[in-house]
Protein backbone atom coordinates (compact mmCIF):
# COMPACT_ATOMS: atom_id res chain seq x y z
CA UNK A 1 66.03 -112.68 148.61
CA UNK A 2 68.14 -115.01 146.55
CA UNK A 3 71.43 -115.34 148.43
CA UNK A 4 72.54 -116.13 152.00
CA UNK A 5 74.49 -112.83 151.92
CA UNK A 6 71.21 -110.87 151.42
CA UNK A 7 69.64 -112.79 154.29
CA UNK A 8 72.42 -111.94 156.67
CA UNK A 9 72.41 -108.24 155.58
CA UNK A 10 68.70 -108.08 156.16
CA UNK A 11 69.16 -109.39 159.66
CA UNK A 12 71.97 -106.91 160.31
CA UNK A 13 70.03 -103.93 158.82
CA UNK A 14 66.98 -104.85 160.97
CA UNK A 15 69.17 -104.86 164.04
CA UNK A 16 68.38 -108.47 164.58
CA UNK A 17 71.99 -109.57 164.23
CA UNK A 18 75.30 -107.95 165.11
CA UNK A 19 78.08 -108.41 162.66
CA UNK A 20 80.53 -109.18 165.48
CA UNK A 21 78.44 -112.16 166.51
CA UNK A 22 79.04 -114.02 163.32
CA UNK A 23 81.64 -116.66 163.77
CA UNK A 24 83.25 -118.14 160.66
CA UNK A 25 85.42 -121.17 160.27
CA UNK A 26 87.32 -122.85 157.42
CA UNK A 27 88.75 -126.29 156.93
CA UNK A 28 90.77 -128.30 154.37
CA UNK A 29 87.62 -129.40 152.56
CA UNK A 30 87.43 -125.97 151.05
CA UNK A 31 84.43 -125.33 153.30
CA UNK A 32 83.34 -122.09 154.88
CA UNK A 33 80.90 -122.22 157.82
CA UNK A 34 79.00 -119.36 159.57
CA UNK A 35 77.44 -119.63 163.02
CA UNK A 36 75.22 -117.00 164.51
CA UNK A 37 72.29 -116.99 167.03
CA UNK A 38 68.83 -115.34 166.63
CA UNK A 39 65.90 -115.50 169.01
CA UNK A 40 63.33 -118.16 168.27
CA UNK A 41 60.50 -115.71 167.46
CA UNK A 42 62.73 -114.35 164.61
CA UNK A 43 62.90 -117.76 162.94
CA UNK A 44 59.47 -117.88 161.34
CA UNK A 45 60.03 -114.65 159.53
CA UNK A 46 63.18 -115.89 157.89
CA UNK A 47 62.27 -119.54 157.53
CA UNK A 48 61.29 -119.14 153.82
CA UNK A 49 64.63 -117.36 153.07
CA UNK A 50 66.64 -120.08 154.81
CA UNK A 51 64.63 -122.82 153.11
CA UNK A 52 66.10 -121.63 149.70
CA UNK A 53 69.40 -123.37 150.77
CA UNK A 54 68.37 -126.71 152.33
CA UNK A 55 71.77 -128.36 151.87
CA UNK A 56 73.68 -125.37 153.40
CA UNK A 57 71.62 -124.35 156.28
CA UNK A 58 71.18 -126.04 159.70
CA UNK A 59 68.86 -124.80 162.44
CA UNK A 60 69.98 -126.15 165.88
CA UNK A 61 71.71 -128.92 163.94
CA UNK A 62 68.79 -129.84 161.75
CA UNK A 63 68.11 -129.19 158.11
CA UNK A 64 65.68 -126.42 157.70
CA UNK A 65 63.27 -128.58 155.68
CA UNK A 66 63.16 -131.24 158.40
CA UNK A 67 61.02 -128.77 160.46
CA UNK A 68 62.19 -129.85 163.89
CA UNK A 69 60.22 -128.86 166.89
CA UNK A 70 62.03 -125.94 168.42
CA UNK A 71 61.39 -124.54 171.95
CA UNK A 72 60.27 -120.92 171.65
CA UNK A 73 62.05 -119.91 174.72
CA UNK A 74 65.43 -120.97 173.29
CA UNK A 75 67.76 -119.01 171.13
CA UNK A 76 68.24 -120.52 167.67
CA UNK A 77 71.63 -121.31 166.28
CA UNK A 78 71.87 -120.90 162.51
CA UNK A 79 74.89 -122.48 160.69
CA UNK A 80 75.40 -121.87 157.14
CA UNK A 81 78.02 -123.90 155.10
CA UNK A 82 79.56 -123.18 151.69
CA UNK A 83 81.68 -125.81 150.02
CA UNK A 84 83.59 -124.46 147.03
CA UNK A 85 83.39 -127.64 145.05
CA UNK A 86 79.93 -128.92 145.87
CA UNK A 87 77.30 -129.17 143.10
CA UNK A 88 75.07 -126.87 145.08
CA UNK A 89 77.75 -124.21 145.40
CA UNK A 90 78.25 -124.17 141.58
CA UNK A 91 74.60 -122.64 141.50
CA UNK A 92 75.18 -120.04 144.16
CA UNK A 93 78.93 -119.65 143.91
CA UNK A 94 79.22 -117.06 146.71
CA UNK A 95 81.60 -116.75 149.69
CA UNK A 96 80.79 -114.38 152.55
CA UNK A 97 83.61 -112.92 154.66
CA UNK A 98 83.47 -110.61 157.63
CA UNK A 99 86.45 -108.63 156.49
CA UNK A 100 89.69 -108.75 154.48
CA UNK A 101 91.63 -110.66 157.18
CA UNK A 102 88.88 -113.19 157.28
CA UNK A 103 89.24 -113.66 153.49
CA UNK A 104 93.08 -113.85 153.63
CA UNK A 105 92.97 -116.63 156.26
CA UNK A 106 90.56 -118.72 154.21
CA UNK A 107 92.51 -118.16 151.02
CA UNK A 108 95.84 -119.40 152.56
CA UNK A 109 94.16 -122.70 153.46
CA UNK A 110 92.32 -122.87 150.14
CA UNK A 111 95.26 -122.33 147.87
CA UNK A 112 97.55 -124.60 149.96
CA UNK A 113 95.23 -127.62 149.23
CA UNK A 114 93.19 -127.09 146.10
CA UNK A 115 94.39 -129.05 142.93
CA UNK A 116 93.88 -128.49 139.20
CA UNK A 117 91.48 -131.50 139.22
CA UNK A 118 89.15 -129.46 141.51
CA UNK A 119 88.81 -126.83 138.86
CA UNK A 120 86.90 -129.16 136.60
CA UNK A 121 83.77 -128.66 138.70
CA UNK A 122 84.05 -124.85 138.68
CA UNK A 123 82.58 -123.06 135.64
CA UNK A 124 82.68 -119.47 136.81
CA UNK A 125 84.59 -117.34 139.26
CA UNK A 126 83.40 -117.31 142.81
CA UNK A 127 81.81 -114.13 144.04
CA UNK A 128 83.32 -112.83 147.31
CA UNK A 129 81.21 -110.60 149.51
CA UNK A 130 82.15 -108.79 152.66
CA UNK A 131 80.10 -107.85 155.68
CA UNK A 132 82.31 -104.94 156.33
CA UNK A 133 83.22 -102.55 153.43
CA UNK A 134 86.56 -103.70 152.01
CA UNK A 135 88.65 -102.31 149.25
CA UNK A 136 90.41 -105.33 147.79
CA UNK A 137 91.50 -106.00 144.15
CA UNK A 138 90.43 -109.52 143.03
CA UNK A 139 91.10 -109.04 139.33
CA UNK A 140 92.91 -111.84 137.52
CA UNK A 141 92.03 -114.38 140.05
CA UNK A 142 89.58 -117.25 140.76
CA UNK A 143 87.49 -114.73 142.76
CA UNK A 144 85.42 -111.69 141.83
CA UNK A 145 83.57 -109.08 143.81
CA UNK A 146 81.09 -108.24 141.02
CA UNK A 147 77.90 -109.81 139.82
CA UNK A 148 79.38 -110.34 136.29
CA UNK A 149 80.98 -113.72 136.93
CA UNK A 150 83.49 -114.43 134.18
CA UNK A 151 84.18 -117.93 132.98
CA UNK A 152 87.04 -119.55 134.83
CA UNK A 153 89.62 -120.14 132.22
CA UNK A 154 91.75 -123.35 132.62
CA UNK A 155 93.67 -124.81 129.67
CA UNK A 156 91.87 -127.91 128.41
CA UNK A 157 95.11 -129.99 128.16
CA UNK A 158 95.64 -129.64 131.95
CA UNK A 159 92.13 -131.14 132.63
CA UNK A 160 92.80 -134.07 130.31
CA UNK A 161 96.26 -135.34 131.60
CA UNK A 162 96.31 -137.26 134.94
CA UNK A 163 99.79 -135.86 135.77
CA UNK A 164 98.56 -132.24 135.69
CA UNK A 165 95.33 -132.87 137.63
CA UNK A 166 97.31 -133.69 140.76
CA UNK A 167 99.24 -130.45 140.71
CA UNK A 168 98.24 -127.46 142.89
CA UNK A 169 95.97 -124.94 141.22
CA UNK A 170 98.03 -122.23 142.56
CA UNK A 171 100.52 -122.93 139.79
CA UNK A 172 98.22 -121.35 137.16
CA UNK A 173 97.98 -117.78 136.03
CA UNK A 174 94.91 -115.85 137.03
CA UNK A 175 94.12 -117.94 140.02
CA UNK A 176 95.62 -116.14 143.02
CA UNK A 177 94.85 -112.49 143.75
CA UNK A 178 97.90 -110.30 143.80
CA UNK A 179 97.21 -109.31 147.47
CA UNK A 180 97.99 -112.94 148.34
CA UNK A 181 101.06 -113.43 146.29
CA UNK A 182 103.48 -112.17 148.91
CA UNK A 183 102.38 -114.73 151.44
CA UNK A 184 102.02 -117.55 148.98
CA UNK A 185 104.90 -116.81 146.57
CA UNK A 186 107.09 -119.74 147.63
CA UNK A 187 104.24 -122.11 147.32
CA UNK A 188 103.25 -120.77 143.99
CA UNK A 189 106.74 -120.87 142.40
CA UNK A 190 107.31 -124.47 143.65
CA UNK A 191 103.97 -125.56 142.03
CA UNK A 192 104.85 -123.64 138.81
CA UNK A 193 108.01 -125.65 138.42
CA UNK A 194 106.21 -128.83 139.28
CA UNK A 195 103.89 -128.07 136.34
CA UNK A 196 106.85 -127.34 133.98
CA UNK A 197 109.04 -130.19 135.08
CA UNK A 198 108.98 -133.81 134.01
CA UNK A 199 108.63 -134.74 137.63
CA UNK A 200 110.11 -133.97 140.96
CA UNK A 201 112.13 -136.28 143.26
CA UNK A 202 110.98 -134.71 146.43
CA UNK A 203 109.54 -131.35 147.64
CA UNK A 204 112.83 -129.59 146.77
CA UNK A 205 114.50 -131.40 143.87
CA UNK A 206 112.99 -131.27 140.37
CA UNK A 207 113.96 -133.03 137.12
CA UNK A 208 113.56 -130.49 134.40
CA UNK A 209 114.94 -132.46 131.45
CA UNK A 210 114.80 -136.26 131.33
CA UNK A 211 117.08 -136.40 128.28
CA UNK A 212 119.87 -134.55 129.92
CA UNK A 213 118.94 -135.61 133.43
CA UNK A 214 119.16 -132.03 134.55
CA UNK A 215 117.80 -131.55 138.08
CA UNK A 216 117.83 -128.57 140.39
CA UNK A 217 117.07 -127.84 143.95
CA UNK A 218 114.28 -125.32 144.44
CA UNK A 219 116.56 -123.54 146.93
CA UNK A 220 118.74 -122.56 144.04
CA UNK A 221 115.84 -120.30 142.80
CA UNK A 222 115.59 -116.63 143.83
CA UNK A 223 111.98 -116.36 144.86
CA UNK A 224 110.42 -113.00 143.68
CA UNK A 225 107.28 -111.49 142.54
CA UNK A 226 108.88 -110.93 139.12
CA UNK A 227 109.85 -114.55 138.81
CA UNK A 228 106.35 -115.85 139.48
CA UNK A 229 104.90 -113.34 136.94
CA UNK A 230 107.44 -114.42 134.29
CA UNK A 231 106.56 -118.04 134.88
CA UNK A 232 102.86 -117.22 134.60
CA UNK A 233 103.65 -115.86 131.08
CA UNK A 234 105.62 -118.93 130.15
CA UNK A 235 102.77 -121.24 131.40
CA UNK A 236 100.19 -119.32 129.50
CA UNK A 237 102.21 -119.38 126.27
CA UNK A 238 102.74 -123.12 126.53
CA UNK A 239 99.52 -124.52 127.74
CA UNK A 240 96.99 -122.16 126.06
CA UNK A 241 97.96 -123.87 122.77
CA UNK A 242 96.65 -127.41 123.11
CA UNK A 243 97.94 -128.48 119.63
CA UNK A 244 101.52 -127.35 120.17
CA UNK A 245 101.93 -127.32 123.89
CA UNK A 246 104.23 -130.31 123.99
CA UNK A 247 106.71 -128.78 121.50
CA UNK A 248 106.73 -125.51 123.45
CA UNK A 249 107.21 -127.32 126.76
CA UNK A 250 110.16 -129.35 125.41
CA UNK A 251 111.76 -126.08 124.10
CA UNK A 252 111.31 -124.46 127.56
CA UNK A 253 112.95 -127.49 129.21
CA UNK A 254 115.96 -127.31 126.90
CA UNK A 255 116.41 -123.59 127.38
CA UNK A 256 115.90 -123.71 131.09
CA UNK A 257 118.30 -126.74 131.42
CA UNK A 258 121.03 -124.98 129.51
CA UNK A 259 120.52 -121.74 131.54
CA UNK A 260 120.82 -123.64 134.81
CA UNK A 261 123.91 -125.51 133.64
CA UNK A 262 125.50 -122.15 132.48
CA UNK A 263 124.37 -119.77 135.28
CA UNK A 264 123.84 -122.24 138.16
CA UNK A 265 120.94 -120.12 139.49
CA UNK A 266 117.74 -118.65 138.15
CA UNK A 267 117.40 -114.99 139.01
CA UNK A 268 115.28 -112.07 137.79
CA UNK A 269 117.27 -111.25 134.68
CA UNK A 270 117.28 -114.79 133.49
CA UNK A 271 113.62 -115.43 134.16
CA UNK A 272 112.72 -112.27 132.27
CA UNK A 273 114.46 -113.48 129.22
CA UNK A 274 112.91 -116.98 129.33
CA UNK A 275 109.68 -116.20 127.43
CA UNK A 276 111.54 -114.27 124.59
CA UNK A 277 114.01 -117.15 124.23
CA UNK A 278 111.21 -119.75 124.11
CA UNK A 279 109.31 -117.79 121.52
CA UNK A 280 112.41 -117.30 119.37
CA UNK A 281 113.32 -120.95 119.53
CA UNK A 282 109.85 -121.97 118.81
CA UNK A 283 109.61 -119.74 115.86
CA UNK A 284 112.83 -121.26 114.42
CA UNK A 285 111.49 -124.76 115.15
CA UNK A 286 108.28 -124.00 113.31
CA UNK A 287 110.12 -122.52 110.35
CA UNK A 288 112.11 -125.71 109.98
CA UNK A 289 108.99 -127.78 110.17
CA UNK A 290 107.21 -125.43 107.75
CA UNK A 291 109.78 -126.22 105.05
CA UNK A 292 109.27 -129.93 105.71
CA UNK A 293 105.58 -129.42 105.82
CA UNK A 294 105.43 -127.97 102.29
CA UNK A 295 107.37 -130.95 100.90
CA UNK A 296 105.36 -133.44 102.87
CA UNK A 297 102.07 -131.91 101.76
CA UNK A 298 102.96 -132.31 98.09
CA UNK A 299 104.18 -136.00 98.70
CA UNK A 300 101.24 -137.08 100.74
CA UNK A 301 98.77 -135.49 98.30
CA UNK A 302 100.38 -137.55 95.48
CA UNK A 303 100.29 -140.70 97.68
CA UNK A 304 96.61 -140.19 98.65
CA UNK A 305 95.71 -139.75 94.92
CA UNK A 306 97.67 -142.88 94.02
CA UNK A 307 96.09 -144.68 96.94
CA UNK A 308 92.62 -143.70 95.72
CA UNK A 309 93.38 -145.13 92.34
CA UNK A 310 94.53 -148.35 93.92
CA UNK A 311 91.38 -148.70 95.95
CA UNK A 312 89.24 -148.02 92.87
CA UNK A 313 91.20 -150.59 90.82
CA UNK A 314 90.75 -153.16 93.58
CA UNK A 315 87.06 -152.52 93.69
CA UNK A 316 86.90 -153.14 89.87
CA UNK A 317 88.84 -156.37 90.28
CA UNK A 318 86.42 -157.69 92.85
CA UNK A 319 83.49 -156.78 90.56
CA UNK A 320 85.24 -158.80 87.86
CA UNK A 321 85.63 -161.73 90.29
CA UNK A 322 81.88 -161.60 91.11
CA UNK A 323 81.08 -161.77 87.33
CA UNK A 324 83.48 -164.76 87.01
CA UNK A 325 81.83 -166.57 89.88
CA UNK A 326 78.44 -166.08 88.19
CA UNK A 327 79.85 -167.40 84.94
CA UNK A 328 81.32 -170.39 86.87
CA UNK A 329 77.87 -171.28 88.34
CA UNK A 330 76.20 -170.92 84.97
CA UNK A 331 78.93 -173.09 83.34
CA UNK A 332 78.54 -175.94 85.82
CA UNK A 333 74.76 -175.94 85.42
CA UNK A 334 74.98 -175.96 81.56
CA UNK A 335 77.70 -178.59 81.62
CA UNK A 336 75.45 -180.75 83.78
CA UNK A 337 72.59 -180.61 81.34
CA UNK A 338 75.06 -181.22 78.40
CA UNK A 339 76.58 -184.27 80.01
CA UNK A 340 73.17 -185.61 80.87
CA UNK A 341 72.11 -185.23 77.27
CA UNK A 342 75.20 -187.15 75.93
CA UNK A 343 75.61 -189.76 78.52
CA UNK A 344 72.61 -190.75 80.51
CA UNK A 345 74.77 -193.15 82.43
CA UNK A 346 76.79 -190.54 84.40
CA UNK A 347 75.59 -190.09 87.97
CA UNK A 348 73.58 -186.95 88.74
CA UNK A 349 75.59 -186.51 91.90
CA UNK A 350 78.82 -185.66 90.22
CA UNK A 351 78.12 -182.00 89.07
CA UNK A 352 76.72 -180.76 92.32
CA UNK A 353 79.52 -182.52 94.22
CA UNK A 354 82.11 -180.75 92.06
CA UNK A 355 80.36 -177.41 92.62
CA UNK A 356 80.19 -178.13 96.40
CA UNK A 357 83.92 -178.94 96.49
CA UNK A 358 84.73 -175.81 94.50
CA UNK A 359 82.64 -173.44 96.72
CA UNK A 360 83.88 -174.97 99.97
CA UNK A 361 87.51 -174.61 98.86
CA UNK A 362 86.87 -171.04 97.79
CA UNK A 363 85.22 -170.15 101.12
CA UNK A 364 88.20 -171.74 103.08
CA UNK A 365 90.75 -169.68 101.25
CA UNK A 366 88.75 -166.45 101.64
CA UNK A 367 88.22 -167.14 105.37
CA UNK A 368 91.94 -167.71 105.93
CA UNK A 369 92.95 -164.59 104.15
CA UNK A 370 90.04 -162.55 105.49
CA UNK A 371 86.87 -161.51 103.82
CA UNK A 372 87.85 -157.82 104.03
CA UNK A 373 91.55 -158.38 103.36
CA UNK A 374 91.87 -155.67 100.81
CA UNK A 375 90.03 -152.94 102.72
CA UNK A 376 91.87 -153.84 105.94
CA UNK A 377 95.15 -153.53 104.08
CA UNK A 378 94.23 -150.07 102.77
CA UNK A 379 93.21 -148.84 106.22
CA UNK A 380 96.57 -150.02 107.63
CA UNK A 381 98.30 -148.14 104.90
CA UNK A 382 96.35 -144.98 105.75
CA UNK A 383 97.40 -145.29 109.45
CA UNK A 384 100.98 -145.73 108.34
CA UNK A 385 100.92 -142.61 106.21
CA UNK A 386 99.41 -140.55 109.04
CA UNK A 387 102.19 -141.55 111.27
CA UNK A 388 104.82 -141.02 108.68
CA UNK A 389 103.58 -137.51 107.98
CA UNK A 390 102.50 -136.53 111.43
CA UNK A 391 104.16 -133.20 111.10
CA UNK A 392 101.35 -132.01 108.79
CA UNK A 393 99.19 -131.82 111.89
CA UNK A 394 101.29 -129.06 113.25
CA UNK A 395 100.39 -126.74 110.55
CA UNK A 396 97.25 -127.87 108.86
CA UNK A 397 95.27 -130.17 111.25
CA UNK A 398 92.37 -130.70 108.83
CA UNK A 399 94.31 -131.29 105.55
CA UNK A 400 94.83 -135.05 105.78
CA UNK A 401 91.27 -135.42 107.18
CA UNK A 402 89.98 -133.73 104.14
CA UNK A 403 92.00 -135.93 101.75
CA UNK A 404 90.77 -138.99 103.57
CA UNK A 405 87.06 -137.99 103.85
CA UNK A 406 86.85 -136.64 100.19
CA UNK A 407 88.92 -139.09 98.27
CA UNK A 408 89.68 -142.32 100.16
CA UNK A 409 86.79 -142.96 102.49
CA UNK A 410 84.12 -143.12 99.65
CA UNK A 411 86.22 -145.59 97.69
CA UNK A 412 86.89 -147.63 100.81
CA UNK A 413 83.13 -147.80 101.50
CA UNK A 414 82.53 -149.07 97.97
CA UNK A 415 85.33 -151.63 98.40
CA UNK A 416 83.89 -152.98 101.68
CA UNK A 417 80.40 -153.18 99.94
CA UNK A 418 81.75 -155.40 97.12
CA UNK A 419 83.70 -157.46 99.54
CA UNK A 420 80.57 -158.15 101.44
CA UNK A 421 78.73 -158.95 98.22
CA UNK A 422 81.40 -161.38 97.20
CA UNK A 423 81.21 -163.07 100.59
CA UNK A 424 77.43 -163.50 100.15
CA UNK A 425 77.76 -164.91 96.71
CA UNK A 426 80.27 -167.59 97.86
CA UNK A 427 77.90 -168.56 100.66
CA UNK A 428 75.01 -168.60 98.19
CA UNK A 429 76.86 -170.90 95.89
CA UNK A 430 77.69 -173.21 98.87
CA UNK A 431 74.02 -173.23 99.81
CA UNK A 432 72.77 -174.02 96.19
CA UNK A 433 75.29 -176.73 95.59
CA UNK A 434 74.49 -178.35 99.02
CA UNK A 435 70.75 -178.42 98.20
CA UNK A 436 71.50 -179.70 94.70
CA UNK A 437 73.77 -182.37 96.11
CA UNK A 438 71.10 -183.49 98.60
CA UNK A 439 68.40 -183.45 95.96
CA UNK A 440 70.52 -185.66 93.63
């Protein structure tokens, strides 16, 4: 016995419980509760089964694992609670209904309240089981009546954007069973337009295009089964493509705005043509961008190659500077001994003082300009190029990443290494000249 449903069926099959005695309730917390009464002498035989669900089962108001003292002469009230979005429910993921009407009543409450944000917690479709044999089609919905629980498919972009999280889940395709569409069609279409609009002013007025400030009243829409199915196709086409969804959404808004301005009302014929128009305009849009992409790809490749050469040259320049600094140190030391050999009268403090002043001034200048000035400059240049040639990402998301990782990044790492070495050499000079000065 691994489900509450099996427990209830066993009680019914053993004539220990009558189906008609099961009372079920639903509330706006997406919770389903069952209440039924069994005799106290039956409890022990089913205690182990009930104990499998400690967070869902209450016996006379107590958790089953609290093991309360129960008078054997009393009947025992068993209450079983399922919350669709609890962590426990994600493990069991079953709803039990007496019959189809029972299910429809719950679903109307459920779909009236549940938002896209709630779908983050649900990984698989919820299994629906009936105590009375029921023939109901749950395909293409959040529910299933089989043991093969499919993954619940929700476009990732909708779970990442705060605006979409607050929209009703009923707006999405493959959420509401067809049997419920007739009773929920107004609610679904309104939520679909909320998903596709920039925002809505109130429950009836939606702004569809902020650029043209086109708004419409939801009462101007002819509600129909065909319209909601057409909008499902549009939503799927737009939001299933995370990389290009924004472009598709903007194209939809422009087409829909023009249609409203021209026709004044959205009917069956107009909605049926929406998806074809969006696909056609999107294809033209992508073709125009493809031409630009080919030109940009050639230009950015040349720029990245030139950029790599600049970074390499800068690295060599810093290596040369390190060698010059070493020669400077050697020169000061040799000069000191030369002067001492010629003029014993010159103070020993002069050479280290000059070296200390030289290194201090060099450190000051480097600190003001930035120790990693060159590498920081090149990184900013990379960011600027990425913004300038952002259209590349529409067609070849990985191309500029490959250019950067294969050609620029290795050279930038080398540049940062030699910049850090140069910094250490400056500080070493300062330390040596300081010690020399103190010793003199």
